[in-house]
C-alpha atoms as a PDB file:
ATOM      1  CA  MET A   1     -90.763  18.252 -87.242  1.00  0.00           C
ATOM      2  CA  THR A   2     -93.583  20.195 -85.622  1.00  0.00           C
ATOM      3  CA  ASP A   3     -96.926  18.406 -85.759  1.00  0.00           C
ATOM      4  CA  LEU A   4     -99.220  20.270 -88.152  1.00  0.00           C
ATOM      5  CA  LYS A   5    -102.219  20.495 -85.815  1.00  0.00           C
ATOM      6  CA  THR A   6    -105.418  21.672 -87.504  1.00  0.00           C
ATOM      7  CA  LYS A   7    -108.782  23.159 -86.514  1.00  0.00           C
ATOM      8  CA  VAL A   8    -111.567  23.525 -89.081  1.00  0.00           C
ATOM      9  CA  VAL A   9    -113.009  27.035 -88.747  1.00  0.00           C
ATOM     10  CA  LEU A  10    -115.883  27.990 -91.062  1.00  0.00           C
ATOM     11  CA  ASN A  11    -114.909  25.088 -93.335  1.00  0.00           C
ATOM     12  CA  VAL A  12    -111.291  26.237 -93.530  1.00  0.00           C
ATOM     13  CA  PRO A  13    -108.575  23.961 -92.066  1.00  0.00           C
ATOM     14  CA  VAL A  14    -106.441  26.387 -90.037  1.00  0.00           C
ATOM     15  CA  GLN A  15    -103.215  25.334 -88.341  1.00  0.00           C
ATOM     16  CA  ALA A  16    -103.465  25.475 -84.542  1.00  0.00           C
ATOM     17  CA  LEU A  17     -99.842  26.495 -84.092  1.00  0.00           C
ATOM     18  CA  SER A  18     -98.024  29.311 -82.317  1.00  0.00           C
ATOM     19  CA  MET A  19     -95.547  31.533 -84.159  1.00  0.00           C
ATOM     20  CA  THR A  20     -92.629  29.463 -82.814  1.00  0.00           C
ATOM     21  CA  GLU A  21     -94.239  26.203 -83.922  1.00  0.00           C
ATOM     22  CA  THR A  22     -95.042  27.667 -87.338  1.00  0.00           C
ATOM     23  CA  LEU A  23     -91.438  28.762 -87.851  1.00  0.00           C
ATOM     24  CA  GLY A  24     -90.163  25.356 -86.786  1.00  0.00           C
ATOM     25  CA  PHE A  25     -92.418  23.573 -89.244  1.00  0.00           C
ATOM     26  CA  ILE A  26     -91.439  25.867 -92.132  1.00  0.00           C
ATOM     27  CA  LYS A  27     -87.723  25.468 -91.415  1.00  0.00           C
ATOM     28  CA  SER A  28     -88.024  21.687 -91.399  1.00  0.00           C
ATOM     29  CA  ARG A  29     -89.831  21.778 -94.752  1.00  0.00           C
ATOM     30  CA  ILE A  30     -87.191  24.026 -96.338  1.00  0.00           C
ATOM     31  CA  ASP A  31     -84.371  21.863 -94.995  1.00  0.00           C
ATOM     32  CA  ASP A  32     -86.085  18.758 -96.409  1.00  0.00           C
ATOM     33  CA  ASN A  33     -86.729  20.595 -99.706  1.00  0.00           C
ATOM     34  CA  GLN A  34     -90.448  19.893 -99.408  1.00  0.00           C
ATOM     35  CA  PHE A  35     -92.684  22.360-101.207  1.00  0.00           C
ATOM     36  CA  THR A  36     -94.949  24.355 -98.901  1.00  0.00           C
ATOM     37  CA  GLN A  37     -97.559  26.826-100.091  1.00  0.00           C
ATOM     38  CA  HIS A  38     -98.550  29.020 -97.152  1.00  0.00           C
ATOM     39  CA  VAL A  39    -101.577  31.287 -96.905  1.00  0.00           C
ATOM     40  CA  VAL A  40    -103.140  33.324 -94.136  1.00  0.00           C
ATOM     41  CA  VAL A  41    -106.863  33.875 -93.698  1.00  0.00           C
ATOM     42  CA  ASN A  42    -108.687  36.774 -92.133  1.00  0.00           C
ATOM     43  CA  ALA A  43    -112.362  37.723 -91.964  1.00  0.00           C
ATOM     44  CA  GLY A  44    -112.345  39.343 -95.402  1.00  0.00           C
ATOM     45  CA  LYS A  45    -110.731  36.398 -97.141  1.00  0.00           C
ATOM     46  CA  ILE A  46    -113.088  33.866 -95.572  1.00  0.00           C
ATOM     47  CA  VAL A  47    -116.045  35.984 -96.718  1.00  0.00           C
ATOM     48  CA  ALA A  48    -114.612  36.242-100.248  1.00  0.00           C
ATOM     49  CA  MET A  49    -114.129  32.476-100.361  1.00  0.00           C
ATOM     50  CA  GLN A  50    -117.882  32.009-100.086  1.00  0.00           C
ATOM     51  CA  HIS A  51    -118.440  33.281-103.652  1.00  0.00           C
ATOM     52  CA  ASP A  52    -114.990  33.204-105.302  1.00  0.00           C
ATOM     53  CA  GLU A  53    -114.385  29.583-106.266  1.00  0.00           C
ATOM     54  CA  ALA A  54    -110.866  30.210-107.641  1.00  0.00           C
ATOM     55  CA  LEU A  55    -109.825  31.844-104.363  1.00  0.00           C
ATOM     56  CA  ARG A  56    -111.465  29.126-102.307  1.00  0.00           C
ATOM     57  CA  GLN A  57    -109.730  26.366-104.249  1.00  0.00           C
ATOM     58  CA  SER A  58    -106.308  28.019-104.074  1.00  0.00           C
ATOM     59  CA  VAL A  59    -106.607  28.531-100.302  1.00  0.00           C
ATOM     60  CA  LEU A  60    -107.839  25.023 -99.578  1.00  0.00           C
ATOM     61  CA  GLU A  61    -105.086  23.504-101.734  1.00  0.00           C
ATOM     62  CA  ALA A  62    -102.386  25.287 -99.707  1.00  0.00           C
ATOM     63  CA  ASP A  63    -100.138  23.158 -97.521  1.00  0.00           C
ATOM     64  CA  MET A  64    -100.350  25.468 -94.518  1.00  0.00           C
ATOM     65  CA  ILE A  65    -102.989  27.987 -93.391  1.00  0.00           C
ATOM     66  CA  ASN A  66    -102.570  30.402 -90.484  1.00  0.00           C
ATOM     67  CA  ALA A  67    -105.072  32.787 -88.896  1.00  0.00           C
ATOM     68  CA  ASP A  68    -103.917  36.282 -89.775  1.00  0.00           C
ATOM     69  CA  GLY A  69    -106.644  38.185 -87.935  1.00  0.00           C
ATOM     70  CA  MET A  70    -107.846  38.126 -84.338  1.00  0.00           C
ATOM     71  CA  SER A  71    -111.394  37.861 -85.687  1.00  0.00           C
ATOM     72  CA  VAL A  72    -110.632  34.333 -86.921  1.00  0.00           C
ATOM     73  CA  VAL A  73    -109.083  33.401 -83.557  1.00  0.00           C
ATOM     74  CA  TRP A  74    -112.113  34.723 -81.675  1.00  0.00           C
ATOM     75  CA  ALA A  75    -114.472  32.947 -84.068  1.00  0.00           C
ATOM     76  CA  SER A  76    -112.600  29.680 -83.512  1.00  0.00           C
ATOM     77  CA  ARG A  77    -113.070  30.001 -79.759  1.00  0.00           C
ATOM     78  CA  PHE A  78    -116.737  30.941 -80.106  1.00  0.00           C
ATOM     79  CA  LEU A  79    -117.286  27.869 -82.272  1.00  0.00           C
ATOM     80  CA  GLY A  80    -115.479  25.535 -79.863  1.00  0.00           C
ATOM     81  CA  LYS A  81    -112.437  24.987 -82.097  1.00  0.00           C
ATOM     82  CA  ALA A  82    -109.990  27.282 -80.366  1.00  0.00           C
ATOM     83  CA  LEU A  83    -106.808  28.359 -82.118  1.00  0.00           C
ATOM     84  CA  PRO A  84    -103.922  29.211 -79.752  1.00  0.00           C
ATOM     85  CA  ALA A  85    -103.090  32.581 -81.329  1.00  0.00           C
ATOM     86  CA  ARG A  86    -102.981  34.566 -84.531  1.00  0.00           C
ATOM     87  CA  VAL A  87     -99.931  34.250 -86.743  1.00  0.00           C
ATOM     88  CA  ALA A  88    -100.031  37.567 -88.596  1.00  0.00           C
ATOM     89  CA  GLY A  89     -98.667  37.414 -92.116  1.00  0.00           C
ATOM     90  CA  ILE A  90     -96.356  40.394 -91.755  1.00  0.00           C
ATOM     91  CA  ASP A  91     -94.954  39.135 -88.449  1.00  0.00           C
ATOM     92  CA  LEU A  92     -94.294  35.733 -89.984  1.00  0.00           C
ATOM     93  CA  MET A  93     -92.597  37.293 -93.002  1.00  0.00           C
ATOM     94  CA  LEU A  94     -90.288  39.366 -90.804  1.00  0.00           C
ATOM     95  CA  GLU A  95     -89.369  36.310 -88.737  1.00  0.00           C
ATOM     96  CA  LEU A  96     -88.701  34.281 -91.874  1.00  0.00           C
ATOM     97  CA  VAL A  97     -86.417  36.948 -93.348  1.00  0.00           C
ATOM     98  CA  LYS A  98     -84.506  36.884 -90.054  1.00  0.00           C
ATOM     99  CA  MET A  99     -84.378  33.090 -90.315  1.00  0.00           C
ATOM    100  CA  ALA A 100     -82.996  33.389 -93.839  1.00  0.00           C
ATOM    101  CA  HIS A 101     -80.122  35.481 -92.492  1.00  0.00           C
ATOM    102  CA  GLU A 102     -79.444  33.065 -89.637  1.00  0.00           C
ATOM    103  CA  HIS A 103     -79.540  29.876 -91.725  1.00  0.00           C
ATOM    104  CA  GLY A 104     -78.271  30.968 -95.134  1.00  0.00           C
ATOM    105  CA  TYR A 105     -81.560  30.908 -97.053  1.00  0.00           C
ATOM    106  CA  LYS A 106     -82.355  33.187 -99.972  1.00  0.00           C
ATOM    107  CA  CYS A 107     -85.565  35.185-100.451  1.00  0.00           C
ATOM    108  CA  TYR A 108     -87.367  36.407-103.565  1.00  0.00           C
ATOM    109  CA  PHE A 109     -89.757  39.356-103.241  1.00  0.00           C
ATOM    110  CA  LEU A 110     -92.587  39.628-105.764  1.00  0.00           C
ATOM    111  CA  GLY A 111     -95.240  42.328-105.734  1.00  0.00           C
ATOM    112  CA  ALA A 112     -96.145  45.970-104.998  1.00  0.00           C
ATOM    113  CA  ARG A 113     -94.902  48.953-107.017  1.00  0.00           C
ATOM    114  CA  GLN A 114     -91.310  49.001-108.249  1.00  0.00           C
ATOM    115  CA  GLU A 115     -90.188  51.685-105.800  1.00  0.00           C
ATOM    116  CA  VAL A 116     -91.826  49.812-102.917  1.00  0.00           C
ATOM    117  CA  VAL A 117     -90.267  46.419-103.610  1.00  0.00           C
ATOM    118  CA  GLU A 118     -86.883  48.109-104.148  1.00  0.00           C
ATOM    119  CA  LYS A 119     -87.237  49.780-100.739  1.00  0.00           C
ATOM    120  CA  VAL A 120     -88.099  46.419 -99.143  1.00  0.00           C
ATOM    121  CA  VAL A 121     -85.008  44.780-100.635  1.00  0.00           C
ATOM    122  CA  ASP A 122     -82.838  47.730 -99.580  1.00  0.00           C
ATOM    123  CA  THR A 123     -84.247  47.637 -96.030  1.00  0.00           C
ATOM    124  CA  PHE A 124     -83.607  43.930 -95.540  1.00  0.00           C
ATOM    125  CA  SER A 125     -80.175  44.137 -97.200  1.00  0.00           C
ATOM    126  CA  LYS A 126     -79.126  46.827 -94.733  1.00  0.00           C
ATOM    127  CA  GLU A 127     -80.672  45.116 -91.711  1.00  0.00           C
ATOM    128  CA  TYR A 128     -79.181  41.717 -92.525  1.00  0.00           C
ATOM    129  CA  SER A 129     -77.161  41.222 -95.725  1.00  0.00           C
ATOM    130  CA  SER A 130     -77.668  41.414 -99.457  1.00  0.00           C
ATOM    131  CA  SER A 131     -76.729  37.721 -99.539  1.00  0.00           C
ATOM    132  CA  ILE A 132     -80.288  36.786 -98.505  1.00  0.00           C
ATOM    133  CA  ILE A 133     -81.729  38.402-101.660  1.00  0.00           C
ATOM    134  CA  ALA A 134     -82.363  35.956-104.503  1.00  0.00           C
ATOM    135  CA  GLY A 135     -84.226  38.559-106.563  1.00  0.00           C
ATOM    136  CA  TYR A 136     -87.262  40.804-106.757  1.00  0.00           C
ATOM    137  CA  ARG A 137     -89.944  41.976-109.171  1.00  0.00           C
ATOM    138  CA  ASN A 138     -92.884  44.387-108.969  1.00  0.00           C
ATOM    139  CA  GLY A 139     -96.412  43.002-109.016  1.00  0.00           C
ATOM    140  CA  TYR A 140     -97.669  44.685-112.198  1.00  0.00           C
ATOM    141  CA  PHE A 141     -97.681  42.189-115.022  1.00  0.00           C
ATOM    142  CA  LYS A 142    -100.019  40.199-117.269  1.00  0.00           C
ATOM    143  CA  GLU A 143     -98.538  38.275-120.183  1.00  0.00           C
ATOM    144  CA  GLU A 144     -95.168  37.793-118.459  1.00  0.00           C
ATOM    145  CA  GLU A 145     -96.513  35.458-115.748  1.00  0.00           C
ATOM    146  CA  GLU A 146     -94.814  32.308-116.998  1.00  0.00           C
ATOM    147  CA  GLN A 147     -91.466  34.035-117.596  1.00  0.00           C
ATOM    148  CA  ILE A 148     -91.564  35.532-114.097  1.00  0.00           C
ATOM    149  CA  ALA A 149     -92.161  32.053-112.681  1.00  0.00           C
ATOM    150  CA  LYS A 150     -89.145  30.771-114.640  1.00  0.00           C
ATOM    151  CA  ASP A 151     -87.003  33.676-113.384  1.00  0.00           C
ATOM    152  CA  ILE A 152     -87.975  32.849-109.803  1.00  0.00           C
ATOM    153  CA  SER A 153     -87.043  29.212-110.386  1.00  0.00           C
ATOM    154  CA  SER A 154     -83.601  30.126-111.723  1.00  0.00           C
ATOM    155  CA  SER A 155     -82.929  32.551-108.853  1.00  0.00           C
ATOM    156  CA  GLY A 156     -82.211  29.763-106.368  1.00  0.00           C
ATOM    157  CA  ALA A 157     -84.682  31.175-103.841  1.00  0.00           C
ATOM    158  CA  ASP A 158     -85.636  29.143-100.769  1.00  0.00           C
ATOM    159  CA  MET A 159     -88.534  31.464 -99.898  1.00  0.00           C
ATOM    160  CA  LEU A 160     -90.862  33.468-102.111  1.00  0.00           C
ATOM    161  CA  PHE A 161     -92.942  36.318-100.658  1.00  0.00           C
ATOM    162  CA  VAL A 162     -95.817  37.445-102.889  1.00  0.00           C
ATOM    163  CA  ALA A 163     -97.277  40.878-102.086  1.00  0.00           C
ATOM    164  CA  MET A 164    -100.297  41.074-104.331  1.00  0.00           C
ATOM    165  CA  SER A 165    -103.999  41.375-103.602  1.00  0.00           C
ATOM    166  CA  SER A 166    -106.341  38.417-103.212  1.00  0.00           C
ATOM    167  CA  PRO A 167    -107.234  36.391-105.151  1.00  0.00           C
ATOM    168  CA  LYS A 168    -104.487  37.329-107.650  1.00  0.00           C
ATOM    169  CA  LYS A 169    -101.626  36.144-105.465  1.00  0.00           C
ATOM    170  CA  GLU A 170    -103.260  32.853-104.456  1.00  0.00           C
ATOM    171  CA  ILE A 171    -104.174  32.032-108.048  1.00  0.00           C
ATOM    172  CA  PHE A 172    -100.694  32.937-109.366  1.00  0.00           C
ATOM    173  CA  VAL A 173     -98.947  30.779-106.767  1.00  0.00           C
ATOM    174  CA  ASN A 174    -101.315  27.860-107.253  1.00  0.00           C
ATOM    175  CA  LYS A 175    -100.883  28.007-111.039  1.00  0.00           C
ATOM    176  CA  TYR A 176     -97.089  28.243-111.138  1.00  0.00           C
ATOM    177  CA  LYS A 177     -95.925  26.544-107.942  1.00  0.00           C
ATOM    178  CA  GLN A 178     -94.409  23.571-109.771  1.00  0.00           C
ATOM    179  CA  LEU A 179     -92.642  25.735-112.345  1.00  0.00           C
ATOM    180  CA  MET A 180     -91.235  28.147-109.714  1.00  0.00           C
ATOM    181  CA  ASN A 181     -89.740  25.252-107.730  1.00  0.00           C
ATOM    182  CA  VAL A 182     -89.287  27.224-104.489  1.00  0.00           C
ATOM    183  CA  PRO A 183     -89.469  25.252-101.203  1.00  0.00           C
ATOM    184  CA  PHE A 184     -91.582  27.850 -99.386  1.00  0.00           C
ATOM    185  CA  VAL A 185     -94.075  30.271-100.944  1.00  0.00           C
ATOM    186  CA  MET A 186     -96.137  32.763 -98.962  1.00  0.00           C
ATOM    187  CA  GLY A 187     -98.650  35.451 -99.872  1.00  0.00           C
ATOM    188  CA  VAL A 188     -98.073  38.573 -97.767  1.00  0.00           C
ATOM    189  CA  GLY A 189    -100.715  41.040 -98.997  1.00  0.00           C
ATOM    190  CA  GLY A 190     -99.772  44.637 -98.166  1.00  0.00           C
ATOM    191  CA  SER A 191     -96.749  43.764 -96.028  1.00  0.00           C
ATOM    192  CA  PHE A 192     -94.251  45.297 -98.475  1.00  0.00           C
ATOM    193  CA  ASP A 193     -95.975  48.676 -98.073  1.00  0.00           C
ATOM    194  CA  VAL A 194     -95.489  48.459 -94.304  1.00  0.00           C
ATOM    195  CA  VAL A 195     -91.809  47.483 -94.536  1.00  0.00           C
ATOM    196  CA  ALA A 196     -91.208  50.272 -97.071  1.00  0.00           C
ATOM    197  CA  GLY A 197     -92.957  52.822 -94.834  1.00  0.00           C
ATOM    198  CA  VAL A 198     -95.766  53.554 -97.303  1.00  0.00           C
ATOM    199  CA  THR A 199     -98.407  52.578 -94.752  1.00  0.00           C
ATOM    200  CA  LYS A 200     -98.165  52.423 -90.974  1.00  0.00           C
ATOM    201  CA  ARG A 201     -99.058  49.443 -88.871  1.00  0.00           C
ATOM    202  CA  ALA A 202    -101.430  49.768 -85.949  1.00  0.00           C
ATOM    203  CA  PRO A 203     -99.998  50.194 -82.436  1.00  0.00           C
ATOM    204  CA  LEU A 204     -99.470  46.918 -80.594  1.00  0.00           C
ATOM    205  CA  TRP A 205    -102.438  47.464 -78.278  1.00  0.00           C
ATOM    206  CA  MET A 206    -104.760  47.793 -81.286  1.00  0.00           C
ATOM    207  CA  GLN A 207    -103.323  44.625 -82.788  1.00  0.00           C
ATOM    208  CA  ASN A 208    -103.906  42.745 -79.537  1.00  0.00           C
ATOM    209  CA  VAL A 209    -107.560  43.783 -79.235  1.00  0.00           C
ATOM    210  CA  GLY A 210    -108.357  43.081 -82.874  1.00  0.00           C
ATOM    211  CA  LEU A 211    -108.543  46.673 -84.098  1.00  0.00           C
ATOM    212  CA  GLU A 212    -105.720  46.567 -86.645  1.00  0.00           C
ATOM    213  CA  TRP A 213    -108.349  46.608 -89.414  1.00  0.00           C
ATOM    214  CA  PHE A 214    -109.805  49.844 -88.000  1.00  0.00           C
ATOM    215  CA  TYR A 215    -106.384  51.515 -87.979  1.00  0.00           C
ATOM    216  CA  ARG A 216    -105.994  50.597 -91.653  1.00  0.00           C
ATOM    217  CA  PHE A 217    -109.507  51.845 -92.351  1.00  0.00           C
ATOM    218  CA  ILE A 218    -108.887  55.330 -90.912  1.00  0.00           C
ATOM    219  CA  GLN A 219    -105.735  55.643 -93.060  1.00  0.00           C
ATOM    220  CA  GLU A 220    -107.602  54.844 -96.298  1.00  0.00           C
ATOM    221  CA  PRO A 221    -111.357  55.142 -95.595  1.00  0.00           C
ATOM    222  CA  ARG A 222    -112.484  55.543 -99.212  1.00  0.00           C
ATOM    223  CA  ARG A 223    -110.650  52.428-100.354  1.00  0.00           C
ATOM    224  CA  MET A 224    -111.194  50.272 -97.285  1.00  0.00           C
ATOM    225  CA  TRP A 225    -114.724  50.986 -96.073  1.00  0.00           C
ATOM    226  CA  LYS A 226    -116.394  48.265 -98.112  1.00  0.00           C
ATOM    227  CA  ARG A 227    -113.746  45.650 -97.400  1.00  0.00           C
ATOM    228  CA  TYR A 228    -113.882  46.126 -93.646  1.00  0.00           C
ATOM    229  CA  LEU A 229    -117.331  47.392 -92.703  1.00  0.00           C
ATOM    230  CA  VAL A 230    -119.329  45.284 -95.146  1.00  0.00           C
ATOM    231  CA  GLY A 231    -116.907  42.347 -95.030  1.00  0.00           C
ATOM    232  CA  ASN A 232    -116.774  42.222 -91.233  1.00  0.00           C
ATOM    233  CA  SER A 233    -120.573  42.255 -91.011  1.00  0.00           C
ATOM    234  CA  LYS A 234    -120.775  39.311 -93.405  1.00  0.00           C
ATOM    235  CA  PHE A 235    -118.123  37.484 -91.389  1.00  0.00           C
ATOM    236  CA  LEU A 236    -120.109  37.923 -88.165  1.00  0.00           C
ATOM    237  CA  TRP A 237    -123.164  36.499 -89.906  1.00  0.00           C
ATOM    238  CA  LEU A 238    -121.167  33.455 -91.085  1.00  0.00           C
ATOM    239  CA  VAL A 239    -119.959  32.850 -87.527  1.00  0.00           C
ATOM    240  CA  LEU A 240    -123.466  33.131 -86.066  1.00  0.00           C
ATOM    241  CA  LYS A 241    -124.896  30.772 -88.678  1.00  0.00           C
ATOM    242  CA  ALA A 242    -122.161  28.234 -87.912  1.00  0.00           C
ATOM    243  CA  ARG A 243    -122.843  28.479 -84.181  1.00  0.00           C
ATOM    244  CA  LEU A 244    -126.582  27.979 -84.690  1.00  0.00           C
ATOM    245  CA  LYS A 245    -125.919  24.861 -86.757  1.00  0.00           C
END
């Protein structure tokens, strides 16, 4: 089993693992039927954790935390607790779906609009096989939470991908993780929209220089300006305060 190396960045224990090491650890946990709740953190989520106690608790109680954004990687280096690389949530999800095909695992997809999650399932079924699909459900629900968790449990899924906004997805997973009884659970944010072609991902060069957030911003400026411009400024302030301490 891969050693779960950890660096504490802005009071968040982040795994200091490469993508390959992360995949190896997750596979070993699934094969051993050990529950693993996985989350990724970026600048915005770390900022939100400063005032959202439910989000903070659900993140810190996760079994595995990866750095989704380059901003977190750069902050770790600036603070003398260097992470080896980012492990972007969407990249990890795509690799895990591929792993499911190669090793006979089943995936459940929860979240996004109905037409989006259907497109995701159709895309992966065509790329690999429908045999990897344990089930799927859109992310618009309230009273049905417990029944959805029971449906996921009865689906026989080995992996659950939850594409809902924070902190809704973290709180849902933390609340129902025992009832769902899935070996690996991961929040994937807006990844379903990317797979379904609803939104475009930044070019690789923008990802590598930490400008993926800006590419998202110019696609949806009215919705994203506060999250990125205000959130990123607050994140920089948190990093500077930590360095001064």
